[in-house]
C-alpha atoms as a PDB file:
ATOM      1  CA  MET A   1      69.140  34.431  45.978  1.00  0.00           C
ATOM      2  CA  LYS A   2      66.739  37.782  46.169  1.00  0.00           C
ATOM      3  CA  THR A   3      67.663  41.421  46.983  1.00  0.00           C
ATOM      4  CA  THR A   4      65.570  43.903  48.357  1.00  0.00           C
ATOM      5  CA  THR A   5      66.164  47.321  47.656  1.00  0.00           C
ATOM      6  CA  THR A   6      64.593  49.797  49.010  1.00  0.00           C
ATOM      7  CA  PRO A   7      62.783  52.318  47.691  1.00  0.00           C
ATOM      8  CA  LEU A   8      64.858  55.826  47.198  1.00  0.00           C
ATOM      9  CA  PRO A   9      61.157  57.137  49.407  1.00  0.00           C
ATOM     10  CA  ARG A  10      61.567  55.580  52.300  1.00  0.00           C
ATOM     11  CA  LEU A  11      65.636  55.947  52.458  1.00  0.00           C
ATOM     12  CA  ALA A  12      64.779  59.822  52.511  1.00  0.00           C
ATOM     13  CA  ALA A  13      62.210  59.579  54.618  1.00  0.00           C
ATOM     14  CA  ARG A  14      64.350  57.920  56.950  1.00  0.00           C
ATOM     15  CA  SER A  15      67.530  60.846  56.801  1.00  0.00           C
ATOM     16  CA  SER A  16      64.767  63.345  57.497  1.00  0.00           C
ATOM     17  CA  VAL A  17      62.885  61.530  60.412  1.00  0.00           C
ATOM     18  CA  ARG A  18      67.214  61.345  61.406  1.00  0.00           C
ATOM     19  CA  ARG A  19      67.817  65.218  60.666  1.00  0.00           C
ATOM     20  CA  THR A  20      63.928  66.486  62.274  1.00  0.00           C
ATOM     21  CA  THR A  21      64.930  64.155  65.828  1.00  0.00           C
ATOM     22  CA  LEU A  22      68.623  65.119  65.446  1.00  0.00           C
ATOM     23  CA  SER A  23      67.862  69.109  65.129  1.00  0.00           C
ATOM     24  CA  LEU A  24      64.886  68.751  67.882  1.00  0.00           C
ATOM     25  CA  ALA A  25      67.816  67.311  70.299  1.00  0.00           C
ATOM     26  CA  VAL A  26      70.287  69.636  69.258  1.00  0.00           C
ATOM     27  CA  ALA A  27      67.643  72.751  69.775  1.00  0.00           C
ATOM     28  CA  ALA A  28      66.928  72.061  72.811  1.00  0.00           C
ATOM     29  CA  THR A  29      70.532  71.614  73.939  1.00  0.00           C
ATOM     30  CA  LEU A  30      71.216  75.484  72.599  1.00  0.00           C
ATOM     31  CA  GLY A  31      68.344  76.465  73.917  1.00  0.00           C
ATOM     32  CA  LEU A  32      69.330  75.608  77.605  1.00  0.00           C
ATOM     33  CA  ALA A  33      72.559  76.442  76.804  1.00  0.00           C
ATOM     34  CA  GLY A  34      71.592  79.699  75.736  1.00  0.00           C
ATOM     35  CA  THR A  35      70.924  81.108  78.895  1.00  0.00           C
ATOM     36  CA  VAL A  36      74.796  80.946  80.149  1.00  0.00           C
ATOM     37  CA  SER A  37      75.290  84.863  78.913  1.00  0.00           C
ATOM     38  CA  ALA A  38      78.597  86.460  78.480  1.00  0.00           C
ATOM     39  CA  GLN A  39      77.566  88.933  80.582  1.00  0.00           C
ATOM     40  CA  THR A  40      75.403  88.846  83.557  1.00  0.00           C
ATOM     41  CA  THR A  41      73.536  91.197  85.629  1.00  0.00           C
ATOM     42  CA  LEU A  42      74.667  90.867  89.483  1.00  0.00           C
ATOM     43  CA  ILE A  43      72.335  94.220  90.390  1.00  0.00           C
ATOM     44  CA  SER A  44      69.972  96.565  88.732  1.00  0.00           C
ATOM     45  CA  ASP A  45      66.940  98.499  90.351  1.00  0.00           C
ATOM     46  CA  ASN A  46      64.883 101.832  89.095  1.00  0.00           C
ATOM     47  CA  PHE A  47      64.052 102.807  92.451  1.00  0.00           C
ATOM     48  CA  ASN A  48      60.462 102.877  91.028  1.00  0.00           C
ATOM     49  CA  GLY A  49      59.080 101.450  94.762  1.00  0.00           C
ATOM     50  CA  THR A  50      58.143 103.813  98.079  1.00  0.00           C
ATOM     51  CA  SER A  51      60.746 101.866 100.554  1.00  0.00           C
ATOM     52  CA  VAL A  52      64.324 100.288 100.133  1.00  0.00           C
ATOM     53  CA  ASN A  53      63.781  97.336  98.302  1.00  0.00           C
ATOM     54  CA  THR A  54      65.059  94.520 101.070  1.00  0.00           C
ATOM     55  CA  ALA A  55      66.242  91.794  98.803  1.00  0.00           C
ATOM     56  CA  THR A  56      68.906  93.539  96.906  1.00  0.00           C
ATOM     57  CA  TRP A  57      70.357  96.411  99.731  1.00  0.00           C
ATOM     58  CA  ALA A  58      70.810  97.078 102.590  1.00  0.00           C
ATOM     59  CA  ASN A  59      70.137 101.244 103.985  1.00  0.00           C
ATOM     60  CA  GLY A  60      71.815 102.329 106.927  1.00  0.00           C
ATOM     61  CA  SER A  61      73.364 105.881 108.081  1.00  0.00           C
ATOM     62  CA  THR A  62      75.957 107.139 110.650  1.00  0.00           C
ATOM     63  CA  GLY A  63      73.948 107.252 113.653  1.00  0.00           C
ATOM     64  CA  SER A  64      71.468 105.688 112.000  1.00  0.00           C
ATOM     65  CA  ALA A  65      70.576 109.465 111.901  1.00  0.00           C
ATOM     66  CA  GLY A  66      69.754 108.918 107.424  1.00  0.00           C
ATOM     67  CA  LEU A  67      67.184 110.058 105.900  1.00  0.00           C
ATOM     68  CA  THR A  68      66.323 107.784 102.566  1.00  0.00           C
ATOM     69  CA  THR A  69      63.528 108.700 100.418  1.00  0.00           C
ATOM     70  CA  PHE A  70      61.585 107.852  97.798  1.00  0.00           C
ATOM     71  CA  ASN A  71      59.731 109.950  94.686  1.00  0.00           C
ATOM     72  CA  GLY A  72      58.719 106.877  93.130  1.00  0.00           C
ATOM     73  CA  SER A  73      60.830 107.244  89.999  1.00  0.00           C
ATOM     74  CA  ALA A  74      64.189 107.624  92.128  1.00  0.00           C
ATOM     75  CA  VAL A  75      65.984 107.084  96.001  1.00  0.00           C
ATOM     76  CA  THR A  76      67.592 110.419  98.130  1.00  0.00           C
ATOM     77  CA  LEU A  77      70.436 109.347 100.491  1.00  0.00           C
ATOM     78  CA  ASP A  78      70.248 112.001 102.824  1.00  0.00           C
ATOM     79  CA  THR A  79      73.000 111.983 105.971  1.00  0.00           C
ATOM     80  CA  ASN A  80      70.922 114.563 107.237  1.00  0.00           C
ATOM     81  CA  GLN A  81      73.334 115.623 109.820  1.00  0.00           C
ATOM     82  CA  GLU A  82      76.211 118.628 109.340  1.00  0.00           C
ATOM     83  CA  THR A  83      79.053 116.731 110.611  1.00  0.00           C
ATOM     84  CA  THR A  84      80.903 113.694 109.317  1.00  0.00           C
ATOM     85  CA  ALA A  85      78.108 111.285 108.211  1.00  0.00           C
ATOM     86  CA  ARG A  86      77.425 108.725 105.749  1.00  0.00           C
ATOM     87  CA  ASN A  87      74.242 106.875 104.260  1.00  0.00           C
ATOM     88  CA  ALA A  88      74.299 104.223 102.244  1.00  0.00           C
ATOM     89  CA  LEU A  89      72.632 102.024 100.100  1.00  0.00           C
ATOM     90  CA  LEU A  90      75.088  98.343 100.002  1.00  0.00           C
ATOM     91  CA  SER A  91      74.224  94.944  98.742  1.00  0.00           C
ATOM     92  CA  HIS A  92      73.805  91.903  99.885  1.00  0.00           C
ATOM     93  CA  SER A  93      75.261  90.134  97.081  1.00  0.00           C
ATOM     94  CA  THR A  94      78.986  89.841  97.626  1.00  0.00           C
ATOM     95  CA  GLU A  95      80.511  88.327  93.838  1.00  0.00           C
ATOM     96  CA  VAL A  96      80.317  92.295  92.923  1.00  0.00           C
ATOM     97  CA  SER A  97      84.139  91.826  92.259  1.00  0.00           C
ATOM     98  CA  PRO A  98      85.955  92.943  88.749  1.00  0.00           C
ATOM     99  CA  PHE A  99      88.685  90.294  88.921  1.00  0.00           C
ATOM    100  CA  ALA A 100      85.788  87.763  87.849  1.00  0.00           C
ATOM    101  CA  GLY A 101      85.008  89.679  85.030  1.00  0.00           C
ATOM    102  CA  THR A 102      85.001  93.753  84.362  1.00  0.00           C
ATOM    103  CA  LEU A 103      82.682  95.504  85.582  1.00  0.00           C
ATOM    104  CA  SER A 104      80.065  97.954  84.023  1.00  0.00           C
ATOM    105  CA  ILE A 105      78.633 100.210  86.502  1.00  0.00           C
ATOM    106  CA  SER A 106      75.962 103.204  85.070  1.00  0.00           C
ATOM    107  CA  LEU A 107      74.543 105.514  87.903  1.00  0.00           C
ATOM    108  CA  ASN A 108      71.744 107.154  86.129  1.00  0.00           C
ATOM    109  CA  GLY A 109      70.054 110.145  87.464  1.00  0.00           C
ATOM    110  CA  LEU A 110      71.926 112.072  89.670  1.00  0.00           C
ATOM    111  CA  ALA A 111      72.024 114.950  92.442  1.00  0.00           C
ATOM    112  CA  LEU A 112      73.501 115.905  95.248  1.00  0.00           C
ATOM    113  CA  THR A 113      71.841 118.878  97.076  1.00  0.00           C
ATOM    114  CA  GLY A 114      73.098 120.387 100.735  1.00  0.00           C
ATOM    115  CA  THR A 115      75.716 122.947 101.439  1.00  0.00           C
ATOM    116  CA  PRO A 116      79.551 122.453 102.052  1.00  0.00           C
ATOM    117  CA  ASN A 117      81.332 124.553 104.062  1.00  0.00           C
ATOM    118  CA  SER A 118      85.105 123.775 105.236  1.00  0.00           C
ATOM    119  CA  ASN A 119      84.758 120.599 103.783  1.00  0.00           C
ATOM    120  CA  PRO A 120      82.956 118.851 101.296  1.00  0.00           C
ATOM    121  CA  ILE A 121      79.670 116.700 100.653  1.00  0.00           C
ATOM    122  CA  SER A 122      79.508 113.542  97.915  1.00  0.00           C
ATOM    123  CA  LEU A 123      77.946 111.553  95.799  1.00  0.00           C
ATOM    124  CA  TYR A 124      79.336 108.204  95.872  1.00  0.00           C
ATOM    125  CA  ALA A 125      79.937 104.510  94.949  1.00  0.00           C
ATOM    126  CA  VAL A 126      82.506 101.916  95.784  1.00  0.00           C
ATOM    127  CA  VAL A 127      83.429  98.325  94.911  1.00  0.00           C
ATOM    128  CA  GLY A 128      85.281  97.206  97.874  1.00  0.00           C
ATOM    129  CA  HIS A 129      86.257  94.768 100.896  1.00  0.00           C
ATOM    130  CA  LEU A 130      85.412  95.611 104.383  1.00  0.00           C
ATOM    131  CA  PRO A 131      88.414  93.536 106.583  1.00  0.00           C
ATOM    132  CA  ILE A 132      85.160  92.971 109.598  1.00  0.00           C
ATOM    133  CA  ASP A 133      82.545  91.773 106.493  1.00  0.00           C
ATOM    134  CA  ASN A 134      82.920  88.295 106.471  1.00  0.00           C
ATOM    135  CA  GLY A 135      79.763  87.436 103.677  1.00  0.00           C
ATOM    136  CA  GLY A 136      76.281  87.013 104.144  1.00  0.00           C
ATOM    137  CA  LEU A 137      73.124  89.307 104.367  1.00  0.00           C
ATOM    138  CA  ALA A 138      75.109  93.258 104.552  1.00  0.00           C
ATOM    139  CA  THR A 139      73.431  94.787 107.295  1.00  0.00           C
ATOM    140  CA  GLY A 140      73.097  98.718 108.517  1.00  0.00           C
ATOM    141  CA  GLY A 141      75.843  98.588 110.674  1.00  0.00           C
ATOM    142  CA  LEU A 142      78.268  97.607 107.179  1.00  0.00           C
ATOM    143  CA  ALA A 143      76.338  99.947 105.160  1.00  0.00           C
ATOM    144  CA  ALA A 144      77.722 102.797 107.334  1.00  0.00           C
ATOM    145  CA  THR A 145      80.934 101.767 107.500  1.00  0.00           C
ATOM    146  CA  TYR A 146      81.978 101.510 103.370  1.00  0.00           C
ATOM    147  CA  SER A 147      83.281 104.614 101.949  1.00  0.00           C
ATOM    148  CA  THR A 148      84.812 104.373  99.015  1.00  0.00           C
ATOM    149  CA  GLY A 149      88.666 103.961 100.660  1.00  0.00           C
ATOM    150  CA  GLY A 150      91.297 104.770 103.250  1.00  0.00           C
ATOM    151  CA  GLY A 151      92.274 103.510 107.001  1.00  0.00           C
ATOM    152  CA  GLY A 152      88.757 101.712 107.140  1.00  0.00           C
ATOM    153  CA  TYR A 153      90.058  98.562 105.031  1.00  0.00           C
ATOM    154  CA  GLY A 154      93.159  98.022 106.858  1.00  0.00           C
ATOM    155  CA  GLY A 155      93.030  94.541 108.641  1.00  0.00           C
ATOM    156  CA  THR A 156      95.287  91.526 109.121  1.00  0.00           C
ATOM    157  CA  GLY A 157      96.345  89.251 106.787  1.00  0.00           C
ATOM    158  CA  ASN A 158      96.518  91.856 103.301  1.00  0.00           C
ATOM    159  CA  THR A 159      92.726  91.939 103.636  1.00  0.00           C
ATOM    160  CA  GLY A 160      90.424  94.455 103.149  1.00  0.00           C
ATOM    161  CA  GLY A 161      89.919  96.638  99.295  1.00  0.00           C
ATOM    162  CA  ALA A 162      88.344  98.732  97.651  1.00  0.00           C
ATOM    163  CA  LEU A 163      87.859 101.499  94.359  1.00  0.00           C
ATOM    164  CA  GLY A 164      85.770 104.034  95.008  1.00  0.00           C
ATOM    165  CA  LEU A 165      84.713 106.498  93.065  1.00  0.00           C
ATOM    166  CA  SER A 166      82.837 110.204  94.421  1.00  0.00           C
ATOM    167  CA  ILE A 167      81.625 113.099  93.178  1.00  0.00           C
ATOM    168  CA  LEU A 168      82.566 116.357  95.837  1.00  0.00           C
ATOM    169  CA  HIS A 169      80.833 119.684  96.032  1.00  0.00           C
ATOM    170  CA  TYR A 170      83.488 122.180  97.866  1.00  0.00           C
ATOM    171  CA  SER A 171      82.028 125.804  99.049  1.00  0.00           C
ATOM    172  CA  SER A 172      84.010 127.610  96.232  1.00  0.00           C
ATOM    173  CA  GLY A 173      81.654 125.425  94.496  1.00  0.00           C
ATOM    174  CA  SER A 174      84.432 123.741  92.673  1.00  0.00           C
ATOM    175  CA  ILE A 175      82.664 120.239  91.445  1.00  0.00           C
ATOM    176  CA  GLN A 176      85.188 117.334  91.197  1.00  0.00           C
ATOM    177  CA  LEU A 177      86.026 114.105  90.437  1.00  0.00           C
ATOM    178  CA  GLN A 178      87.539 111.648  92.837  1.00  0.00           C
ATOM    179  CA  ILE A 179      88.717 107.973  92.767  1.00  0.00           C
ATOM    180  CA  LEU A 180      91.021 105.940  95.695  1.00  0.00           C
ATOM    181  CA  ASP A 181      92.596 102.573  95.040  1.00  0.00           C
ATOM    182  CA  THR A 182      92.929 101.089  98.748  1.00  0.00           C
ATOM    183  CA  GLY A 183      95.038  98.113  99.255  1.00  0.00           C
ATOM    184  CA  TYR A 184      97.852  96.797 100.305  1.00  0.00           C
ATOM    185  CA  VAL A 185     101.753  97.444  99.335  1.00  0.00           C
ATOM    186  CA  ASN A 186     104.312  95.342 100.750  1.00  0.00           C
ATOM    187  CA  GLY A 187     101.687  94.243 103.883  1.00  0.00           C
ATOM    188  CA  VAL A 188     101.679  97.857 104.957  1.00  0.00           C
ATOM    189  CA  GLY A 189      96.906  98.968 104.196  1.00  0.00           C
ATOM    190  CA  SER A 190      97.377 102.479 102.469  1.00  0.00           C
ATOM    191  CA  TYR A 191      95.104 104.099  99.093  1.00  0.00           C
ATOM    192  CA  ALA A 192      96.054 106.735  96.687  1.00  0.00           C
ATOM    193  CA  ASN A 193      94.230 108.574  93.807  1.00  0.00           C
ATOM    194  CA  PRO A 194      95.861 107.043  90.679  1.00  0.00           C
ATOM    195  CA  LEU A 195      94.516 109.604  88.651  1.00  0.00           C
ATOM    196  CA  GLY A 196      97.160 111.602  90.616  1.00  0.00           C
ATOM    197  CA  GLY A 197      95.166 113.814  92.221  1.00  0.00           C
ATOM    198  CA  ASN A 198      90.788 114.950  91.814  1.00  0.00           C
ATOM    199  CA  ARG A 199      89.612 115.793  88.599  1.00  0.00           C
ATOM    200  CA  VAL A 200      87.600 119.665  88.177  1.00  0.00           C
ATOM    201  CA  ILE A 201      84.392 118.947  85.802  1.00  0.00           C
ATOM    202  CA  SER A 202      82.422 121.920  84.804  1.00  0.00           C
ATOM    203  CA  ALA A 203      79.243 120.424  86.719  1.00  0.00           C
ATOM    204  CA  LYS A 204      77.349 117.781  88.949  1.00  0.00           C
ATOM    205  CA  PRO A 205      76.994 114.899  86.376  1.00  0.00           C
ATOM    206  CA  THR A 206      73.195 113.952  85.544  1.00  0.00           C
ATOM    207  CA  ASP A 207      75.099 110.124  84.755  1.00  0.00           C
ATOM    208  CA  ILE A 208      77.734 107.749  85.125  1.00  0.00           C
ATOM    209  CA  VAL A 209      79.222 104.833  83.479  1.00  0.00           C
ATOM    210  CA  TRP A 210      82.409 103.622  85.666  1.00  0.00           C
ATOM    211  CA  THR A 211      83.738 100.463  84.002  1.00  0.00           C
ATOM    212  CA  ILE A 212      86.395  98.046  85.982  1.00  0.00           C
ATOM    213  CA  ASP A 213      88.847  95.617  84.644  1.00  0.00           C
ATOM    214  CA  GLY A 214      90.456  94.296  87.552  1.00  0.00           C
ATOM    215  CA  THR A 215      92.496  91.336  85.748  1.00  0.00           C
ATOM    216  CA  ALA A 216      93.893  94.609  83.910  1.00  0.00           C
ATOM    217  CA  GLY A 217      93.994  96.814  86.689  1.00  0.00           C
ATOM    218  CA  THR A 218      92.447  98.919  84.566  1.00  0.00           C
ATOM    219  CA  PHE A 219      89.526 101.581  84.957  1.00  0.00           C
ATOM    220  CA  SER A 220      87.472 103.897  83.262  1.00  0.00           C
ATOM    221  CA  VAL A 221      84.894 106.907  83.247  1.00  0.00           C
ATOM    222  CA  THR A 222      82.476 108.430  81.137  1.00  0.00           C
ATOM    223  CA  LEU A 223      80.136 111.154  82.249  1.00  0.00           C
ATOM    224  CA  THR A 224      77.106 112.642  81.229  1.00  0.00           C
ATOM    225  CA  GLY A 225      75.923 116.551  81.752  1.00  0.00           C
ATOM    226  CA  ALA A 226      79.644 117.458  82.521  1.00  0.00           C
ATOM    227  CA  THR A 227      83.043 117.028  81.190  1.00  0.00           C
ATOM    228  CA  PHE A 228      86.701 117.888  82.247  1.00  0.00           C
ATOM    229  CA  THR A 229      87.657 121.080  82.542  1.00  0.00           C
ATOM    230  CA  THR A 230      91.685 120.989  83.622  1.00  0.00           C
ATOM    231  CA  GLY A 231      94.185 118.419  82.230  1.00  0.00           C
ATOM    232  CA  ALA A 232      94.879 115.712  79.010  1.00  0.00           C
ATOM    233  CA  GLU A 233      91.334 115.017  79.671  1.00  0.00           C
ATOM    234  CA  ALA A 234      90.033 118.812  78.926  1.00  0.00           C
ATOM    235  CA  GLY A 235      86.336 119.254  77.071  1.00  0.00           C
ATOM    236  CA  THR A 236      85.745 115.825  77.212  1.00  0.00           C
ATOM    237  CA  SER A 237      83.868 113.985  79.395  1.00  0.00           C
ATOM    238  CA  SER A 238      85.752 110.612  79.999  1.00  0.00           C
ATOM    239  CA  ILE A 239      89.066 109.635  81.955  1.00  0.00           C
ATOM    240  CA  SER A 240      90.902 106.392  82.369  1.00  0.00           C
ATOM    241  CA  GLY A 241      93.512 104.618  84.597  1.00  0.00           C
ATOM    242  CA  SER A 242      95.239 101.865  87.053  1.00  0.00           C
ATOM    243  CA  PHE A 243      95.048 100.445  89.907  1.00  0.00           C
ATOM    244  CA  THR A 244      97.118  98.726  92.113  1.00  0.00           C
ATOM    245  CA  ARG A 245      96.670  98.373  95.528  1.00  0.00           C
ATOM    246  CA  PHE A 246      92.644  96.837  95.620  1.00  0.00           C
ATOM    247  CA  THR A 247      93.716  93.480  94.532  1.00  0.00           C
ATOM    248  CA  GLU A 248      91.724  89.844  94.354  1.00  0.00           C
ATOM    249  CA  ALA A 249      93.966  89.661  97.448  1.00  0.00           C
ATOM    250  CA  THR A 250      92.378  91.707  99.153  1.00  0.00           C
ATOM    251  CA  LEU A 251      88.831  90.137  98.821  1.00  0.00           C
ATOM    252  CA  GLY A 252      89.863  87.694 101.504  1.00  0.00           C
ATOM    253  CA  ALA A 253      89.080  83.693 102.476  1.00  0.00           C
ATOM    254  CA  ASN A 254      85.729  83.987 101.193  1.00  0.00           C
ATOM    255  CA  ASN A 255      86.085  86.337  98.969  1.00  0.00           C
ATOM    256  CA  VAL A 256      84.041  88.793  99.611  1.00  0.00           C
ATOM    257  CA  SER A 257      83.652  92.027  97.722  1.00  0.00           C
ATOM    258  CA  ARG A 258      79.870  94.456  98.061  1.00  0.00           C
ATOM    259  CA  PHE A 259      78.971  97.406  95.989  1.00  0.00           C
ATOM    260  CA  ALA A 260      77.690 100.644  97.783  1.00  0.00           C
ATOM    261  CA  ILE A 261      76.617 103.826  96.805  1.00  0.00           C
ATOM    262  CA  GLY A 262      75.145 106.722  98.828  1.00  0.00           C
ATOM    263  CA  SER A 263      76.302 110.172 100.289  1.00  0.00           C
ATOM    264  CA  PHE A 264      79.158 111.594 102.511  1.00  0.00           C
ATOM    265  CA  ASN A 265      80.115 114.559 104.381  1.00  0.00           C
ATOM    266  CA  THR A 266      83.452 114.329 104.334  1.00  0.00           C
ATOM    267  CA  GLY A 267      84.170 116.772 107.620  1.00  0.00           C
ATOM    268  CA  ALA A 268      82.546 117.886 110.214  1.00  0.00           C
ATOM    269  CA  SER A 269      82.214 121.653 108.852  1.00  0.00           C
ATOM    270  CA  ILE A 270      78.931 121.102 106.796  1.00  0.00           C
ATOM    271  CA  LEU A 271      76.225 123.967 106.870  1.00  0.00           C
ATOM    272  CA  ASP A 272      73.585 121.331 105.779  1.00  0.00           C
ATOM    273  CA  GLY A 273      74.247 117.593 104.893  1.00  0.00           C
ATOM    274  CA  GLY A 274      74.820 115.968 101.704  1.00  0.00           C
ATOM    275  CA  ALA A 275      72.228 114.173 100.090  1.00  0.00           C
ATOM    276  CA  ALA A 276      72.497 112.673  97.026  1.00  0.00           C
ATOM    277  CA  THR A 277      70.289 111.387  94.610  1.00  0.00           C
ATOM    278  CA  PHE A 278      70.572 108.086  92.339  1.00  0.00           C
ATOM    279  CA  GLY A 279      67.505 107.292  89.845  1.00  0.00           C
ATOM    280  CA  ASP A 280      68.745 104.321  88.376  1.00  0.00           C
ATOM    281  CA  VAL A 281      71.969 102.374  89.894  1.00  0.00           C
ATOM    282  CA  SER A 282      73.242  98.326  87.654  1.00  0.00           C
ATOM    283  CA  VAL A 283      75.977  96.506  87.532  1.00  0.00           C
ATOM    284  CA  ILE A 284      76.755  94.085  85.045  1.00  0.00           C
ATOM    285  CA  THR A 285      79.826  91.948  84.898  1.00  0.00           C
ATOM    286  CA  SER A 286      80.581  90.083  81.911  1.00  0.00           C
ATOM    287  CA  ALA A 287      82.041  86.738  84.619  1.00  0.00           C
ATOM    288  CA  ILE A 288      80.183  83.373  82.119  1.00  0.00           C
ATOM    289  CA  ALA A 289      76.939  82.522  84.304  1.00  0.00           C
ATOM    290  CA  ILE A 290      77.797  78.660  84.640  1.00  0.00           C
ATOM    291  CA  PRO A 291      74.594  76.660  84.777  1.00  0.00           C
ATOM    292  CA  GLU A 292      73.032  75.157  87.391  1.00  0.00           C
ATOM    293  CA  PRO A 293      73.704  71.544  87.864  1.00  0.00           C
ATOM    294  CA  SER A 294      70.038  70.993  87.331  1.00  0.00           C
ATOM    295  CA  SER A 295      69.927  72.533  83.874  1.00  0.00           C
ATOM    296  CA  SER A 296      73.622  71.016  82.958  1.00  0.00           C
ATOM    297  CA  ALA A 297      71.571  67.620  83.502  1.00  0.00           C
ATOM    298  CA  ILE A 298      68.848  68.834  81.345  1.00  0.00           C
ATOM    299  CA  LEU A 299      71.177  69.470  79.027  1.00  0.00           C
ATOM    300  CA  VAL A 300      72.415  65.525  78.219  1.00  0.00           C
ATOM    301  CA  ALA A 301      68.746  64.437  79.409  1.00  0.00           C
ATOM    302  CA  ALA A 302      68.070  66.505  75.615  1.00  0.00           C
ATOM    303  CA  LEU A 303      71.612  64.886  73.815  1.00  0.00           C
ATOM    304  CA  ILE A 304      69.923  61.273  75.376  1.00  0.00           C
ATOM    305  CA  GLY A 305      66.645  61.515  74.703  1.00  0.00           C
ATOM    306  CA  GLY A 306      67.118  63.002  71.289  1.00  0.00           C
ATOM    307  CA  PHE A 307      69.638  59.893  70.707  1.00  0.00           C
ATOM    308  CA  ALA A 308      67.294  57.114  72.096  1.00  0.00           C
ATOM    309  CA  MET A 309      64.491  58.733  69.249  1.00  0.00           C
ATOM    310  CA  VAL A 310      66.560  58.357  66.286  1.00  0.00           C
ATOM    311  CA  ARG A 311      67.262  54.639  67.621  1.00  0.00           C
ATOM    312  CA  ARG A 312      63.570  53.715  67.982  1.00  0.00           C
ATOM    313  CA  THR A 313      62.872  55.101  64.743  1.00  0.00           C
ATOM    314  CA  ARG A 314      65.411  53.605  62.879  1.00  0.00           C
ATOM    315  CA  ARG A 315      64.055  50.332  64.739  1.00  0.00           C
ATOM    316  CA  ASN A 316      60.529  50.774  63.855  1.00  0.00           C
ATOM    317  CA  GLN A 317      61.687  51.540  59.964  1.00  0.00           C
ATOM    318  CA  ARG A 318      63.781  48.469  59.129  1.00  0.00           C
END
């Protein structure tokens, strides 16, 4: 019986082809899998246009009296009133939830102008859910209603809650950071300042990084251009705390959570309405983006195709 031995070069060639083919299949798979990111940008706007980016925001103000202007690198939201009023941008996205993943919110190029009287004026940002908000695209009416917290978030079924951040300017010249935690305690809507009270800061900050971890119920705030002047944080630019009222349950059956920025006259005694300027805003979540079904199908097809190529190569070389 005659035995035929395959020359070593051919065996090496087969092995090389198999390795190359498998490597290509795996590379294709990993390349597509690379679209699954550990961080996902939910909102990003540098306001370099001449009008509101209506794909991202709805703009609304109290009595539709607010003025929203652009200078090519920033947006200014002016209440344009000397009474209780708000002018805000509200995200169309309803997935700005700190309970799906930790949120990192960057507010850059900030400014707050206007003249307070008995009531302060403020620049603010808020994450949360109004009970009247059932999802879908945001509206100007909703934008004018989303506040940093308080009674407006009370609703039936324990829905409605928010975590809000404000930079307040008082007539005394004092500048203060306020955090409000709004939600439900024993079935009753309520709100509180988780810092135990407003914190005095040295100036109006130019930039803010606000991190919210809904799973842990914690937050941190880091300021640029200002430091805390009282308390344990005196002389530093960062502060942290915890919240308990704003919970995932307050997002309601539709799991709605939006993001808003704006200016607010906190009462009826204002000499010149507040105007808040934002140069750049981004909201990033740590939640992993799951591939679309079509992407998953491509991953599977890449693997199947790679193994099929290996089988054909082996048959052709026999």
